[in-house]
Amino acid sequence: MRRPRGRGELVFPYRTPDGAGFTRLRSLNGGSAKVKQPPERSLALWWPLRRPRGAEAVLVCEGESDALAALEPLSESRFASLELVALPGTGFPAKRLAEQLVAVGTRDAFLALDADEAGRRYAEKAASALREAGIRPIVVEFEDAPRSFPRSCWSYISSAVRASAASRQSSRGGWWPRP
């Protein structure tokens, strides 16, 4: 695969469910297109570490940079058993989200989307699609977050995930946060 030579861009390597690779580029300069990818490639979920063979529970972030912001703190927290995945934006079809999570064996999905109107609307659509697919959606609430809340603030994300988990405590055991 040819490496992009752009400046002022984050490069996210993607692997589609069928194994094809491509990169998405996120501009850091506020250009006309915030994120670019090859036009012949369909949007897919981004797994920052790897596509898991089994992901009983996942934390779904909105955008690759949000997933990167959560990666290290998540690995060091009591939620380390959660897999981490990023939506390529709220334009990603909710049904495709559900299909791709079913394919990796997901039973519980924490939806930690942006605290803006688009994030809230997508969370509703995604929760419905996930329920239809047999996945339990857990919407992470950011009630007191400002509309343009910067998602890189892991302490806030972590608190919201803890509160959402506690209010929907699982009787199944399994992946649930270690003490």
N, C-alpha and C. Protein backbone atom coordinates (compact mmCIF):
# COMPACT_ATOMS: atom_id res chain seq x y z
N MET A 1 0.85 -1.18 0.00
CA MET A 1 0.00 0.00 0.00
C MET A 1 0.89 1.24 0.00
N ARG A 2 0.60 2.17 -0.86
CA ARG A 2 1.36 3.41 -0.94
C ARG A 2 1.04 4.30 0.26
N ARG A 3 2.07 4.84 0.87
CA ARG A 3 1.90 5.71 2.03
C ARG A 3 1.55 7.13 1.57
N PRO A 4 0.55 7.75 2.18
CA PRO A 4 0.23 9.13 1.85
C PRO A 4 1.38 10.04 2.28
N ARG A 5 1.57 11.15 1.56
CA ARG A 5 2.66 12.06 1.89
C ARG A 5 2.13 13.42 2.32
N GLY A 6 0.95 13.47 2.87
CA GLY A 6 0.37 14.74 3.26
C GLY A 6 1.05 15.34 4.48
N ARG A 7 0.86 16.63 4.65
CA ARG A 7 1.38 17.31 5.83
C ARG A 7 0.19 17.81 6.63
N GLY A 8 0.38 17.81 7.93
CA GLY A 8 -0.70 18.29 8.77
C GLY A 8 -1.90 17.37 8.77
N GLU A 9 -1.64 16.05 8.67
CA GLU A 9 -2.73 15.07 8.66
C GLU A 9 -2.42 13.92 9.60
N LEU A 10 -3.45 13.40 10.22
CA LEU A 10 -3.33 12.13 10.93
C LEU A 10 -3.70 11.04 9.92
N VAL A 11 -2.96 9.96 9.96
CA VAL A 11 -3.19 8.85 9.03
C VAL A 11 -3.69 7.66 9.84
N PHE A 12 -4.88 7.17 9.47
CA PHE A 12 -5.48 6.02 10.16
C PHE A 12 -5.53 4.83 9.22
N PRO A 13 -4.76 3.78 9.51
CA PRO A 13 -4.80 2.59 8.66
C PRO A 13 -6.07 1.78 8.96
N TYR A 14 -6.79 1.44 7.94
CA TYR A 14 -8.05 0.69 8.06
C TYR A 14 -7.89 -0.69 7.46
N ARG A 15 -8.64 -1.62 8.01
CA ARG A 15 -8.77 -2.96 7.44
C ARG A 15 -10.26 -3.24 7.42
N THR A 16 -10.83 -3.44 6.24
CA THR A 16 -12.26 -3.70 6.11
C THR A 16 -12.58 -5.12 6.58
N PRO A 17 -13.85 -5.42 6.82
CA PRO A 17 -14.21 -6.78 7.24
C PRO A 17 -13.76 -7.86 6.26
N ASP A 18 -13.63 -7.51 4.98
CA ASP A 18 -13.18 -8.51 4.00
C ASP A 18 -11.65 -8.53 3.87
N GLY A 19 -10.94 -7.74 4.69
CA GLY A 19 -9.49 -7.79 4.72
C GLY A 19 -8.77 -6.76 3.88
N ALA A 20 -9.48 -5.95 3.12
CA ALA A 20 -8.83 -4.93 2.29
C ALA A 20 -8.31 -3.80 3.17
N GLY A 21 -7.16 -3.26 2.80
CA GLY A 21 -6.58 -2.17 3.57
C GLY A 21 -6.66 -0.85 2.84
N PHE A 22 -6.81 0.23 3.56
CA PHE A 22 -6.76 1.58 3.02
C PHE A 22 -6.49 2.54 4.17
N THR A 23 -6.25 3.80 3.86
CA THR A 23 -6.03 4.79 4.91
C THR A 23 -7.06 5.90 4.81
N ARG A 24 -7.41 6.45 5.98
CA ARG A 24 -8.22 7.66 6.06
C ARG A 24 -7.31 8.74 6.60
N LEU A 25 -7.43 9.93 6.06
CA LEU A 25 -6.60 11.06 6.45
C LEU A 25 -7.46 12.12 7.12
N ARG A 26 -7.06 12.57 8.29
CA ARG A 26 -7.77 13.64 8.98
C ARG A 26 -6.90 14.89 8.96
N SER A 27 -7.43 15.94 8.38
CA SER A 27 -6.70 17.19 8.28
C SER A 27 -6.58 17.84 9.64
N LEU A 28 -5.40 18.36 9.93
CA LEU A 28 -5.18 19.12 11.17
C LEU A 28 -5.15 20.62 10.88
N ASN A 29 -5.36 20.98 9.62
CA ASN A 29 -5.25 22.37 9.20
C ASN A 29 -6.59 23.02 8.90
N GLY A 30 -7.68 22.34 9.17
CA GLY A 30 -8.99 22.92 8.92
C GLY A 30 -9.29 23.11 7.44
N GLY A 31 -8.81 22.19 6.62
CA GLY A 31 -9.06 22.27 5.19
C GLY A 31 -10.52 22.04 4.86
N SER A 32 -10.83 21.98 3.57
CA SER A 32 -12.21 21.85 3.14
C SER A 32 -12.82 20.51 3.57
N ALA A 33 -12.07 19.44 3.47
CA ALA A 33 -12.57 18.14 3.90
C ALA A 33 -11.84 17.75 5.20
N LYS A 34 -12.60 17.55 6.23
CA LYS A 34 -12.01 17.20 7.53
C LYS A 34 -11.33 15.83 7.45
N VAL A 35 -12.02 14.86 6.84
CA VAL A 35 -11.48 13.50 6.71
C VAL A 35 -11.61 13.06 5.26
N LYS A 36 -10.55 12.44 4.74
CA LYS A 36 -10.57 11.95 3.36
C LYS A 36 -10.23 10.46 3.36
N GLN A 37 -10.83 9.74 2.43
CA GLN A 37 -10.50 8.34 2.21
C GLN A 37 -10.72 8.03 0.74
N PRO A 38 -10.17 6.91 0.27
CA PRO A 38 -10.38 6.57 -1.14
C PRO A 38 -11.86 6.46 -1.46
N PRO A 39 -12.33 7.08 -2.55
CA PRO A 39 -13.77 7.08 -2.87
C PRO A 39 -14.33 5.69 -3.14
N GLU A 40 -13.50 4.76 -3.54
CA GLU A 40 -13.99 3.41 -3.85
C GLU A 40 -14.14 2.54 -2.61
N ARG A 41 -13.77 3.04 -1.44
CA ARG A 41 -13.86 2.27 -0.20
C ARG A 41 -15.09 2.66 0.60
N SER A 42 -15.81 1.67 1.07
CA SER A 42 -16.96 1.92 1.94
C SER A 42 -16.47 2.24 3.34
N LEU A 43 -17.25 3.04 4.04
CA LEU A 43 -16.92 3.31 5.43
C LEU A 43 -16.96 2.02 6.23
N ALA A 44 -16.08 1.91 7.20
CA ALA A 44 -16.02 0.73 8.06
C ALA A 44 -15.67 1.18 9.47
N LEU A 45 -15.89 0.31 10.43
CA LEU A 45 -15.45 0.59 11.79
C LEU A 45 -13.94 0.53 11.84
N TRP A 46 -13.35 1.33 12.72
CA TRP A 46 -11.89 1.33 12.90
C TRP A 46 -11.55 0.75 14.26
N TRP A 47 -10.81 -0.32 14.27
CA TRP A 47 -10.34 -0.99 15.48
C TRP A 47 -8.89 -0.56 15.67
N PRO A 48 -8.59 0.31 16.64
CA PRO A 48 -7.23 0.85 16.75
C PRO A 48 -6.15 -0.19 17.04
N LEU A 49 -6.49 -1.28 17.69
CA LEU A 49 -5.49 -2.30 17.97
C LEU A 49 -5.52 -3.43 16.95
N ARG A 50 -6.70 -3.93 16.71
CA ARG A 50 -6.90 -5.02 15.75
C ARG A 50 -8.39 -5.33 15.73
N ARG A 51 -8.83 -5.99 14.67
CA ARG A 51 -10.22 -6.46 14.64
C ARG A 51 -10.24 -7.72 15.51
N PRO A 52 -11.01 -7.69 16.60
CA PRO A 52 -11.00 -8.85 17.51
C PRO A 52 -11.75 -10.04 16.93
N ARG A 53 -11.37 -11.21 17.39
CA ARG A 53 -12.10 -12.43 17.00
C ARG A 53 -13.37 -12.56 17.82
N GLY A 54 -13.29 -12.08 19.04
CA GLY A 54 -14.45 -12.09 19.93
C GLY A 54 -14.44 -10.82 20.76
N ALA A 55 -15.49 -10.06 20.68
CA ALA A 55 -15.58 -8.79 21.41
C ALA A 55 -16.92 -8.75 22.12
N GLU A 56 -16.99 -9.39 23.26
CA GLU A 56 -18.25 -9.47 23.98
C GLU A 56 -18.81 -8.09 24.32
N ALA A 57 -17.92 -7.15 24.64
CA ALA A 57 -18.35 -5.78 24.96
C ALA A 57 -17.40 -4.80 24.30
N VAL A 58 -17.96 -3.73 23.75
CA VAL A 58 -17.16 -2.72 23.06
C VAL A 58 -17.53 -1.32 23.53
N LEU A 59 -16.55 -0.44 23.48
CA LEU A 59 -16.77 0.99 23.68
C LEU A 59 -16.69 1.61 22.29
N VAL A 60 -17.81 2.16 21.83
CA VAL A 60 -17.90 2.76 20.50
C VAL A 60 -17.72 4.26 20.63
N CYS A 61 -16.66 4.79 20.02
CA CYS A 61 -16.40 6.23 20.02
C CYS A 61 -16.76 6.81 18.66
N GLU A 62 -17.00 8.12 18.65
CA GLU A 62 -17.31 8.80 17.39
C GLU A 62 -16.03 9.42 16.85
N GLY A 63 -15.42 8.76 15.90
CA GLY A 63 -14.20 9.26 15.28
C GLY A 63 -12.95 8.60 15.81
N GLU A 64 -11.97 8.49 14.92
CA GLU A 64 -10.73 7.83 15.24
C GLU A 64 -9.96 8.53 16.35
N SER A 65 -9.95 9.86 16.34
CA SER A 65 -9.18 10.58 17.36
C SER A 65 -9.77 10.38 18.76
N ASP A 66 -11.08 10.24 18.86
CA ASP A 66 -11.69 9.94 20.15
C ASP A 66 -11.27 8.56 20.64
N ALA A 67 -11.22 7.60 19.73
CA ALA A 67 -10.79 6.25 20.11
C ALA A 67 -9.33 6.27 20.56
N LEU A 68 -8.49 7.02 19.86
CA LEU A 68 -7.09 7.12 20.27
C LEU A 68 -6.98 7.76 21.66
N ALA A 69 -7.80 8.77 21.91
CA ALA A 69 -7.76 9.43 23.22
C ALA A 69 -8.15 8.47 24.34
N ALA A 70 -9.00 7.51 24.05
CA ALA A 70 -9.46 6.56 25.07
C ALA A 70 -8.57 5.34 25.20
N LEU A 71 -7.72 5.09 24.22
CA LEU A 71 -6.97 3.84 24.14
C LEU A 71 -6.10 3.56 25.37
N GLU A 72 -5.17 4.43 25.70
CA GLU A 72 -4.26 4.16 26.81
C GLU A 72 -4.98 4.17 28.15
N PRO A 73 -5.78 5.20 28.45
CA PRO A 73 -6.47 5.18 29.75
C PRO A 73 -7.40 3.96 29.90
N LEU A 74 -8.04 3.55 28.80
CA LEU A 74 -8.92 2.37 28.87
C LEU A 74 -8.10 1.14 29.23
N SER A 75 -6.92 0.99 28.64
CA SER A 75 -6.10 -0.19 28.90
C SER A 75 -5.62 -0.23 30.33
N GLU A 76 -5.55 0.92 30.98
CA GLU A 76 -5.08 0.97 32.36
C GLU A 76 -6.21 1.04 33.38
N SER A 77 -7.44 0.94 32.92
CA SER A 77 -8.58 1.09 33.82
C SER A 77 -9.23 -0.25 34.12
N ARG A 78 -10.23 -0.20 34.95
CA ARG A 78 -10.99 -1.42 35.25
C ARG A 78 -11.88 -1.83 34.08
N PHE A 79 -11.89 -1.05 33.01
CA PHE A 79 -12.65 -1.38 31.81
C PHE A 79 -11.75 -1.93 30.72
N ALA A 80 -10.58 -2.43 31.10
CA ALA A 80 -9.59 -2.90 30.11
C ALA A 80 -10.12 -4.04 29.25
N SER A 81 -11.11 -4.77 29.72
CA SER A 81 -11.63 -5.89 28.93
C SER A 81 -12.58 -5.43 27.82
N LEU A 82 -12.93 -4.15 27.80
CA LEU A 82 -13.74 -3.63 26.69
C LEU A 82 -12.87 -3.51 25.45
N GLU A 83 -13.39 -3.92 24.31
CA GLU A 83 -12.72 -3.64 23.05
C GLU A 83 -13.06 -2.21 22.67
N LEU A 84 -12.23 -1.59 21.88
CA LEU A 84 -12.43 -0.20 21.49
C LEU A 84 -12.57 -0.12 19.99
N VAL A 85 -13.59 0.63 19.54
CA VAL A 85 -13.83 0.79 18.11
C VAL A 85 -14.31 2.22 17.85
N ALA A 86 -14.01 2.71 16.64
CA ALA A 86 -14.44 4.06 16.27
C ALA A 86 -15.37 4.01 15.08
N LEU A 87 -16.42 4.80 15.16
CA LEU A 87 -17.27 5.06 14.00
C LEU A 87 -16.55 6.07 13.13
N PRO A 88 -16.66 5.99 11.82
CA PRO A 88 -16.06 7.01 10.98
C PRO A 88 -16.93 8.27 10.90
N GLY A 89 -17.85 8.44 11.82
CA GLY A 89 -18.73 9.61 11.85
C GLY A 89 -20.18 9.18 11.94
N THR A 90 -21.05 10.14 12.20
CA THR A 90 -22.48 9.83 12.38
C THR A 90 -23.19 9.56 11.06
N GLY A 91 -22.48 9.66 9.96
CA GLY A 91 -23.05 9.26 8.67
C GLY A 91 -22.95 7.77 8.43
N PHE A 92 -22.25 7.07 9.32
CA PHE A 92 -22.09 5.62 9.19
C PHE A 92 -23.44 4.95 9.46
N PRO A 93 -23.92 4.09 8.57
CA PRO A 93 -25.23 3.47 8.77
C PRO A 93 -25.30 2.65 10.08
N ALA A 94 -26.32 2.93 10.88
CA ALA A 94 -26.48 2.24 12.16
C ALA A 94 -26.63 0.73 11.96
N LYS A 95 -27.30 0.33 10.89
CA LYS A 95 -27.45 -1.10 10.61
C LYS A 95 -26.09 -1.75 10.34
N ARG A 96 -25.21 -1.03 9.65
CA ARG A 96 -23.87 -1.57 9.37
C ARG A 96 -23.05 -1.68 10.66
N LEU A 97 -23.23 -0.71 11.57
CA LEU A 97 -22.59 -0.80 12.89
C LEU A 97 -23.01 -2.10 13.57
N ALA A 98 -24.31 -2.35 13.60
CA ALA A 98 -24.82 -3.57 14.24
C ALA A 98 -24.28 -4.82 13.56
N GLU A 99 -24.29 -4.84 12.23
CA GLU A 99 -23.79 -6.02 11.51
C GLU A 99 -22.32 -6.29 11.81
N GLN A 100 -21.51 -5.22 11.83
CA GLN A 100 -20.09 -5.41 12.08
C GLN A 100 -19.80 -5.81 13.52
N LEU A 101 -20.62 -5.36 14.47
CA LEU A 101 -20.44 -5.77 15.86
C LEU A 101 -20.92 -7.20 16.07
N VAL A 102 -22.01 -7.59 15.42
CA VAL A 102 -22.47 -8.99 15.48
C VAL A 102 -21.37 -9.92 14.95
N ALA A 103 -20.70 -9.50 13.89
CA ALA A 103 -19.67 -10.33 13.27
C ALA A 103 -18.50 -10.64 14.21
N VAL A 104 -18.28 -9.79 15.22
CA VAL A 104 -17.20 -10.05 16.18
C VAL A 104 -17.73 -10.55 17.52
N GLY A 105 -19.01 -10.90 17.57
CA GLY A 105 -19.58 -11.51 18.77
C GLY A 105 -19.96 -10.56 19.89
N THR A 106 -20.24 -9.32 19.57
CA THR A 106 -20.58 -8.33 20.60
C THR A 106 -21.95 -8.60 21.21
N ARG A 107 -22.02 -8.51 22.54
CA ARG A 107 -23.29 -8.62 23.26
C ARG A 107 -23.69 -7.30 23.91
N ASP A 108 -22.70 -6.49 24.28
CA ASP A 108 -22.95 -5.19 24.93
C ASP A 108 -22.13 -4.12 24.23
N ALA A 109 -22.77 -2.99 23.89
CA ALA A 109 -22.06 -1.89 23.22
C ALA A 109 -22.29 -0.59 23.96
N PHE A 110 -21.22 -0.01 24.51
CA PHE A 110 -21.27 1.32 25.12
C PHE A 110 -21.12 2.33 24.00
N LEU A 111 -22.11 3.18 23.83
CA LEU A 111 -22.08 4.20 22.78
C LEU A 111 -21.63 5.52 23.40
N ALA A 112 -20.35 5.85 23.23
CA ALA A 112 -19.77 7.09 23.78
C ALA A 112 -19.57 8.06 22.63
N LEU A 113 -20.67 8.66 22.21
CA LEU A 113 -20.65 9.56 21.05
C LEU A 113 -20.56 11.00 21.50
N ASP A 114 -20.27 11.89 20.56
CA ASP A 114 -20.13 13.30 20.90
C ASP A 114 -21.40 13.83 21.55
N ALA A 115 -21.22 14.82 22.43
CA ALA A 115 -22.33 15.40 23.18
C ALA A 115 -22.99 16.53 22.40
N ASP A 116 -23.17 16.33 21.10
CA ASP A 116 -23.86 17.32 20.29
C ASP A 116 -25.13 16.67 19.73
N GLU A 117 -25.91 17.45 18.99
CA GLU A 117 -27.18 16.95 18.47
C GLU A 117 -26.98 15.74 17.55
N ALA A 118 -25.97 15.80 16.68
CA ALA A 118 -25.71 14.68 15.77
C ALA A 118 -25.34 13.41 16.54
N GLY A 119 -24.54 13.55 17.59
CA GLY A 119 -24.17 12.40 18.41
C GLY A 119 -25.38 11.80 19.12
N ARG A 120 -26.24 12.64 19.64
CA ARG A 120 -27.44 12.14 20.34
C ARG A 120 -28.40 11.45 19.37
N ARG A 121 -28.61 12.05 18.20
CA ARG A 121 -29.50 11.43 17.20
C ARG A 121 -28.94 10.08 16.75
N TYR A 122 -27.64 10.03 16.51
CA TYR A 122 -27.04 8.78 16.06
C TYR A 122 -27.14 7.72 17.16
N ALA A 123 -26.95 8.11 18.41
CA ALA A 123 -27.04 7.16 19.51
C ALA A 123 -28.42 6.50 19.54
N GLU A 124 -29.47 7.28 19.29
CA GLU A 124 -30.83 6.72 19.25
C GLU A 124 -30.98 5.72 18.12
N LYS A 125 -30.51 6.09 16.91
CA LYS A 125 -30.60 5.17 15.76
C LYS A 125 -29.77 3.91 16.00
N ALA A 126 -28.56 4.10 16.52
CA ALA A 126 -27.68 2.96 16.75
C ALA A 126 -28.25 2.04 17.81
N ALA A 127 -28.80 2.60 18.87
CA ALA A 127 -29.38 1.78 19.94
C ALA A 127 -30.50 0.90 19.38
N SER A 128 -31.33 1.46 18.53
CA SER A 128 -32.42 0.70 17.92
C SER A 128 -31.87 -0.43 17.04
N ALA A 129 -30.90 -0.11 16.19
CA ALA A 129 -30.31 -1.12 15.29
C ALA A 129 -29.60 -2.22 16.09
N LEU A 130 -28.92 -1.83 17.16
CA LEU A 130 -28.22 -2.82 17.99
C LEU A 130 -29.22 -3.76 18.67
N ARG A 131 -30.30 -3.19 19.23
CA ARG A 131 -31.32 -4.04 19.86
C ARG A 131 -31.88 -5.04 18.87
N GLU A 132 -32.20 -4.58 17.67
CA GLU A 132 -32.73 -5.47 16.63
C GLU A 132 -31.76 -6.60 16.29
N ALA A 133 -30.47 -6.33 16.45
CA ALA A 133 -29.44 -7.33 16.14
C ALA A 133 -29.11 -8.21 17.34
N GLY A 134 -29.77 -7.97 18.48
CA GLY A 134 -29.52 -8.78 19.67
C GLY A 134 -28.37 -8.29 20.53
N ILE A 135 -27.95 -7.05 20.33
CA ILE A 135 -26.87 -6.44 21.12
C ILE A 135 -27.50 -5.45 22.09
N ARG A 136 -27.04 -5.46 23.33
CA ARG A 136 -27.56 -4.53 24.33
C ARG A 136 -26.82 -3.20 24.21
N PRO A 137 -27.52 -2.13 23.80
CA PRO A 137 -26.88 -0.81 23.72
C PRO A 137 -26.88 -0.14 25.10
N ILE A 138 -25.78 0.49 25.43
CA ILE A 138 -25.67 1.26 26.67
C ILE A 138 -25.17 2.64 26.25
N VAL A 139 -26.07 3.60 26.23
CA VAL A 139 -25.71 4.95 25.80
C VAL A 139 -25.02 5.64 26.96
N VAL A 140 -23.79 6.08 26.72
CA VAL A 140 -23.03 6.79 27.73
C VAL A 140 -23.51 8.24 27.72
N GLU A 141 -24.03 8.67 28.85
CA GLU A 141 -24.62 10.01 28.95
C GLU A 141 -23.56 11.05 29.30
N PHE A 142 -23.59 12.15 28.60
CA PHE A 142 -22.71 13.29 28.86
C PHE A 142 -23.60 14.49 29.16
N GLU A 143 -24.43 14.36 30.20
CA GLU A 143 -25.46 15.35 30.47
C GLU A 143 -24.94 16.76 30.68
N ASP A 144 -23.85 16.92 31.43
CA ASP A 144 -23.39 18.27 31.72
C ASP A 144 -22.25 18.71 30.81
N ALA A 145 -22.01 17.97 29.75
CA ALA A 145 -20.93 18.34 28.82
C ALA A 145 -21.41 19.45 27.91
N PRO A 146 -20.56 20.41 27.64
CA PRO A 146 -20.94 21.45 26.68
C PRO A 146 -21.13 20.84 25.30
N ARG A 147 -21.88 21.53 24.45
CA ARG A 147 -22.19 21.03 23.11
C ARG A 147 -20.94 20.64 22.33
N SER A 148 -19.88 21.41 22.45
CA SER A 148 -18.66 21.12 21.70
C SER A 148 -17.61 20.44 22.60
N PHE A 149 -18.08 19.64 23.51
CA PHE A 149 -17.20 18.97 24.47
C PHE A 149 -16.04 18.24 23.77
N PRO A 150 -14.80 18.53 24.15
CA PRO A 150 -13.66 17.83 23.53
C PRO A 150 -13.55 16.42 24.07
N ARG A 151 -13.70 15.45 23.19
CA ARG A 151 -13.75 14.05 23.60
C ARG A 151 -12.42 13.52 24.10
N SER A 152 -11.36 14.29 24.01
CA SER A 152 -10.07 13.79 24.47
C SER A 152 -9.97 13.80 25.99
N CYS A 153 -10.99 14.26 26.67
CA CYS A 153 -10.95 14.31 28.13
C CYS A 153 -11.39 12.95 28.68
N TRP A 154 -10.43 12.03 28.81
CA TRP A 154 -10.75 10.66 29.22
C TRP A 154 -11.38 10.59 30.58
N SER A 155 -10.99 11.45 31.53
CA SER A 155 -11.55 11.34 32.87
C SER A 155 -13.07 11.51 32.82
N TYR A 156 -13.55 12.38 31.94
CA TYR A 156 -14.99 12.57 31.82
C TYR A 156 -15.63 11.35 31.17
N ILE A 157 -15.00 10.83 30.11
CA ILE A 157 -15.52 9.63 29.45
C ILE A 157 -15.57 8.47 30.44
N SER A 158 -14.49 8.29 31.19
CA SER A 158 -14.40 7.20 32.15
C SER A 158 -15.51 7.29 33.20
N SER A 159 -15.73 8.49 33.73
CA SER A 159 -16.80 8.68 34.72
C SER A 159 -18.16 8.36 34.14
N ALA A 160 -18.39 8.81 32.90
CA ALA A 160 -19.68 8.57 32.27
C ALA A 160 -19.89 7.08 31.99
N VAL A 161 -18.84 6.38 31.56
CA VAL A 161 -18.96 4.93 31.34
C VAL A 161 -19.25 4.23 32.66
N ARG A 162 -18.54 4.62 33.72
CA ARG A 162 -18.80 4.00 35.04
C ARG A 162 -20.24 4.21 35.47
N ALA A 163 -20.74 5.43 35.33
CA ALA A 163 -22.12 5.73 35.72
C ALA A 163 -23.12 4.94 34.88
N SER A 164 -22.88 4.87 33.57
CA SER A 164 -23.78 4.12 32.69
C SER A 164 -23.75 2.64 33.02
N ALA A 165 -22.56 2.12 33.31
CA ALA A 165 -22.43 0.70 33.65
C ALA A 165 -23.13 0.40 34.96
N ALA A 166 -22.94 1.26 35.95
CA ALA A 166 -23.54 1.03 37.26
C ALA A 166 -25.06 1.06 37.17
N SER A 167 -25.62 1.93 36.33
CA SER A 167 -27.07 2.03 36.24
C SER A 167 -27.68 0.87 35.45
N ARG A 168 -26.86 0.10 34.77
CA ARG A 168 -27.36 -1.03 33.97
C ARG A 168 -26.57 -2.29 34.30
N GLN A 169 -26.27 -2.50 35.58
CA GLN A 169 -25.41 -3.60 36.00
C GLN A 169 -25.85 -4.92 35.38
N SER A 170 -24.91 -5.63 34.83
CA SER A 170 -25.18 -6.89 34.13
C SER A 170 -25.28 -8.04 35.12
N SER A 171 -26.24 -8.89 34.92
CA SER A 171 -26.35 -10.09 35.75
C SER A 171 -25.57 -11.24 35.14
N ARG A 172 -25.01 -11.01 33.95
CA ARG A 172 -24.31 -12.08 33.25
C ARG A 172 -22.87 -12.27 33.70
N GLY A 173 -22.31 -11.29 34.38
CA GLY A 173 -20.89 -11.41 34.73
C GLY A 173 -20.04 -11.22 33.49
N GLY A 174 -19.13 -12.12 33.25
CA GLY A 174 -18.33 -12.09 32.05
C GLY A 174 -17.37 -10.92 32.01
N TRP A 175 -17.50 -10.05 31.03
CA TRP A 175 -16.55 -8.98 30.80
C TRP A 175 -16.63 -7.86 31.81
N TRP A 176 -17.70 -7.80 32.59
CA TRP A 176 -17.99 -6.61 33.38
C TRP A 176 -16.77 -6.11 34.12
N PRO A 177 -16.66 -4.81 34.33
CA PRO A 177 -15.44 -4.22 34.87
C PRO A 177 -14.91 -4.93 36.09
N ARG A 178 -13.60 -5.15 36.05
CA ARG A 178 -12.95 -5.79 37.21
C ARG A 178 -12.91 -4.80 38.35
N PRO A 179 -12.87 -5.30 39.60
CA PRO A 179 -12.84 -4.39 40.75
C PRO A 179 -11.55 -3.60 40.83
